[in-house]
C-alpha atoms as a PDB file:
ATOM      1  CA  ASP A   1       4.288  27.526  -0.723  1.00  0.00           C
ATOM      2  CA  GLU A   2       7.890  28.187  -1.319  1.00  0.00           C
ATOM      3  CA  MET A   3       8.896  25.075   0.117  1.00  0.00           C
ATOM      4  CA  GLU A   4       7.534  23.126  -2.977  1.00  0.00           C
ATOM      5  CA  GLY A   5       9.462  22.412  -5.773  1.00  0.00           C
ATOM      6  CA  ASP A   6      12.750  23.110  -4.143  1.00  0.00           C
ATOM      7  CA  ASP A   7      13.714  19.577  -3.438  1.00  0.00           C
ATOM      8  CA  VAL A   8      14.082  19.338  -7.505  1.00  0.00           C
ATOM      9  CA  GLY A   9      16.705  17.794  -8.684  1.00  0.00           C
ATOM     10  CA  LEU A  10      17.472  15.635  -5.756  1.00  0.00           C
ATOM     11  CA  PRO A  11      17.424  12.333  -5.828  1.00  0.00           C
ATOM     12  CA  ASP A  12      14.564  10.325  -4.719  1.00  0.00           C
ATOM     13  CA  ASN A  13      15.143   8.549  -1.572  1.00  0.00           C
ATOM     14  CA  ARG A  14      13.142   5.831  -2.134  1.00  0.00           C
ATOM     15  CA  GLN A  15      15.219   5.122  -5.335  1.00  0.00           C
ATOM     16  CA  SER A  16      18.614   5.570  -4.125  1.00  0.00           C
ATOM     17  CA  ALA A  17      21.206   5.730  -6.102  1.00  0.00           C
ATOM     18  CA  VAL A  18      23.592   3.161  -4.152  1.00  0.00           C
ATOM     19  CA  PRO A  19      21.916  -0.731  -5.465  1.00  0.00           C
ATOM     20  CA  VAL A  20      21.200  -1.720  -1.879  1.00  0.00           C
ATOM     21  CA  ALA A  21      22.170  -5.308  -1.075  1.00  0.00           C
ATOM     22  CA  SER A  22      19.637  -7.703  -0.280  1.00  0.00           C
ATOM     23  CA  PRO A  23      19.851  -8.885   3.302  1.00  0.00           C
ATOM     24  CA  SER A  24      21.210 -11.665   3.485  1.00  0.00           C
ATOM     25  CA  PRO A  25      22.252 -14.055   6.620  1.00  0.00           C
ATOM     26  CA  ARG A  26      25.249 -15.143   4.489  1.00  0.00           C
ATOM     27  CA  LYS A  27      28.082 -12.725   4.258  1.00  0.00           C
ATOM     28  CA  ALA A  28      28.133 -11.068   0.642  1.00  0.00           C
ATOM     29  CA  PRO A  29      29.055 -11.540  -1.803  1.00  0.00           C
ATOM     30  CA  ALA A  30      29.264 -15.171  -1.652  1.00  0.00           C
ATOM     31  CA  ILE A  31      32.715 -16.963  -3.189  1.00  0.00           C
ATOM     32  CA  ALA A  32      32.334 -20.024  -3.774  1.00  0.00           C
ATOM     33  CA  LYS A  33      34.348 -21.838  -0.790  1.00  0.00           C
ATOM     34  CA  LEU A  34      37.208 -24.379  -1.522  1.00  0.00           C
ATOM     35  CA  GLU A  35      36.020 -28.025  -1.061  1.00  0.00           C
ATOM     36  CA  ARG A  36      38.354 -30.689   0.307  1.00  0.00           C
ATOM     37  CA  THR A  37      40.111 -31.105  -2.744  1.00  0.00           C
ATOM     38  CA  PRO A  38      41.297 -28.723  -6.190  1.00  0.00           C
ATOM     39  CA  ALA A  39      38.958 -31.210  -7.952  1.00  0.00           C
ATOM     40  CA  ALA A  40      35.738 -30.701  -6.288  1.00  0.00           C
ATOM     41  CA  SER A  41      36.170 -26.855  -5.908  1.00  0.00           C
ATOM     42  CA  THR A  42      34.511 -25.000  -8.506  1.00  0.00           C
ATOM     43  CA  ALA A  43      37.253 -22.979 -10.923  1.00  0.00           C
ATOM     44  CA  GLU A  44      35.593 -19.444  -9.567  1.00  0.00           C
ATOM     45  CA  SER A  45      36.981 -20.623  -6.276  1.00  0.00           C
ATOM     46  CA  LEU A  46      40.427 -21.730  -7.334  1.00  0.00           C
ATOM     47  CA  LYS A  47      40.199 -18.396  -8.997  1.00  0.00           C
ATOM     48  CA  ALA A  48      39.862 -16.122  -6.073  1.00  0.00           C
ATOM     49  CA  ALA A  49      42.334 -18.922  -4.221  1.00  0.00           C
ATOM     50  CA  ARG A  50      45.242 -18.732  -6.997  1.00  0.00           C
ATOM     51  CA  ASP A  51      44.165 -14.504  -7.259  1.00  0.00           C
ATOM     52  CA  LEU A  52      45.024 -14.304  -3.017  1.00  0.00           C
ATOM     53  CA  ILE A  53      48.152 -16.708  -3.229  1.00  0.00           C
ATOM     54  CA  TYR A  54      49.454 -14.094  -6.044  1.00  0.00           C
ATOM     55  CA  ASP A  55      48.502 -10.814  -3.760  1.00  0.00           C
ATOM     56  CA  LEU A  56      50.363 -12.604  -0.674  1.00  0.00           C
ATOM     57  CA  LEU A  57      53.366 -13.082  -2.441  1.00  0.00           C
ATOM     58  CA  LEU A  58      53.262  -9.860  -4.353  1.00  0.00           C
ATOM     59  CA  LYS A  59      53.128  -8.482  -0.603  1.00  0.00           C
ATOM     60  CA  ASP A  60      56.114 -10.993   0.481  1.00  0.00           C
ATOM     61  CA  GLU A  61      58.934  -8.701   0.218  1.00  0.00           C
ATOM     62  CA  GLU A  62      61.024 -10.771   2.586  1.00  0.00           C
ATOM     63  CA  GLY A  63      59.938 -14.008   0.890  1.00  0.00           C
ATOM     64  CA  VAL A  64      59.218 -15.293   4.342  1.00  0.00           C
ATOM     65  CA  LEU A  65      55.649 -17.254   3.425  1.00  0.00           C
ATOM     66  CA  THR A  66      55.900 -20.874   2.557  1.00  0.00           C
ATOM     67  CA  THR A  67      53.181 -22.695   0.735  1.00  0.00           C
ATOM     68  CA  LYS A  68      52.187 -24.467   4.055  1.00  0.00           C
ATOM     69  CA  LYS A  69      51.519 -20.866   5.440  1.00  0.00           C
ATOM     70  CA  LEU A  70      49.912 -19.844   1.985  1.00  0.00           C
ATOM     71  CA  ARG A  71      47.650 -22.987   2.597  1.00  0.00           C
ATOM     72  CA  TYR A  72      46.597 -21.890   5.929  1.00  0.00           C
ATOM     73  CA  ALA A  73      46.084 -18.331   5.015  1.00  0.00           C
ATOM     74  CA  ILE A  74      43.854 -19.131   2.306  1.00  0.00           C
ATOM     75  CA  ALA A  75      42.044 -21.532   3.838  1.00  0.00           C
ATOM     76  CA  GLU A  76      41.419 -19.103   7.005  1.00  0.00           C
ATOM     77  CA  LYS A  77      39.573 -17.193   4.085  1.00  0.00           C
ATOM     78  CA  LEU A  78      38.476 -19.372   1.638  1.00  0.00           C
ATOM     79  CA  ALA A  79      37.556 -23.209   2.682  1.00  0.00           C
ATOM     80  CA  ALA A  80      34.594 -24.573   2.969  1.00  0.00           C
ATOM     81  CA  ASN A  81      36.180 -26.059   6.652  1.00  0.00           C
ATOM     82  CA  PRO A  82      38.956 -23.984   7.372  1.00  0.00           C
ATOM     83  CA  GLU A  83      39.350 -26.110  10.070  1.00  0.00           C
ATOM     84  CA  GLU A  84      41.054 -28.616   8.043  1.00  0.00           C
ATOM     85  CA  LYS A  85      43.367 -26.191   6.772  1.00  0.00           C
ATOM     86  CA  LEU A  86      43.102 -27.712   2.735  1.00  0.00           C
ATOM     87  CA  ASN A  87      45.578 -30.360   4.249  1.00  0.00           C
ATOM     88  CA  ASN A  88      45.818 -33.044   2.008  1.00  0.00           C
ATOM     89  CA  SER A  89      48.485 -34.079  -0.477  1.00  0.00           C
ATOM     90  CA  GLU A  90      46.249 -32.750  -3.487  1.00  0.00           C
ATOM     91  CA  TRP A  91      45.890 -29.182  -2.086  1.00  0.00           C
ATOM     92  CA  LYS A  92      49.057 -29.706  -0.964  1.00  0.00           C
ATOM     93  CA  GLN A  93      50.541 -30.220  -4.613  1.00  0.00           C
ATOM     94  CA  TRP A  94      48.144 -27.566  -6.129  1.00  0.00           C
ATOM     95  CA  PHE A  95      49.289 -24.560  -3.608  1.00  0.00           C
ATOM     96  CA  LYS A  96      53.192 -25.868  -4.347  1.00  0.00           C
ATOM     97  CA  THR A  97      52.114 -25.760  -8.266  1.00  0.00           C
ATOM     98  CA  THR A  98      50.028 -22.404  -7.871  1.00  0.00           C
ATOM     99  CA  ALA A  99      52.543 -20.731  -5.888  1.00  0.00           C
ATOM    100  CA  THR A 100      55.421 -21.384  -8.283  1.00  0.00           C
ATOM    101  CA  GLU A 101      53.421 -19.983 -10.863  1.00  0.00           C
ATOM    102  CA  CYS A 102      52.383 -16.798  -9.659  1.00  0.00           C
ATOM    103  CA  VAL A 103      56.149 -16.315  -8.395  1.00  0.00           C
ATOM    104  CA  ASP A 104      57.204 -17.214 -12.068  1.00  0.00           C
ATOM    105  CA  LYS A 105      54.690 -14.010 -13.036  1.00  0.00           C
ATOM    106  CA  ILE A 106      55.731 -11.795 -10.530  1.00  0.00           C
ATOM    107  CA  GLU A 107      59.561 -12.280 -11.600  1.00  0.00           C
ATOM    108  CA  GLU A 108      58.439 -12.211 -15.154  1.00  0.00           C
ATOM    109  CA  MET A 109      56.621  -8.604 -14.282  1.00  0.00           C
ATOM    110  CA  GLU A 110      59.364  -7.336 -12.393  1.00  0.00           C
ATOM    111  CA  ASN A 111      61.884  -8.582 -15.315  1.00  0.00           C
ATOM    112  CA  GLY A 112      59.331  -6.630 -17.173  1.00  0.00           C
ATOM    113  CA  ASP A 113      58.693  -9.968 -19.848  1.00  0.00           C
ATOM    114  CA  GLY A 114      55.413 -10.487 -19.726  1.00  0.00           C
ATOM    115  CA  ASP A 115      52.472  -8.400 -18.796  1.00  0.00           C
ATOM    116  CA  GLY A 116      52.033 -10.001 -15.767  1.00  0.00           C
ATOM    117  CA  ASN A 117      48.474  -9.918 -14.816  1.00  0.00           C
ATOM    118  CA  SER A 118      47.562 -13.320 -16.999  1.00  0.00           C
ATOM    119  CA  PHE A 119      48.059 -17.279 -15.681  1.00  0.00           C
ATOM    120  CA  ASP A 120      47.195 -18.412 -19.785  1.00  0.00           C
END
């Protein structure tokens, strides 16, 4: 009889404190993929790409990353068709512009102007 009540206060195993993701064949969480052009891609996927570019540039102390290398890295992670490497004039222009914005943000942050965490 002593065993009864011993587990009072312990979480019930059937209601795990950690939310369990429903099993799904796709990788979770699904970030919207980058499409063939920036215009065809969602704002969410472009933001994910921009955040990744920012992180990659932030870690690129030696300044060895080119926009081409960035494009390939992002394509590998986020593109709907990674083998195409986001290789068209629209994407090349988007990467050039976005990388420049990110570099400006990083420089602002390093120089202490601005808060460094907003693209507005």
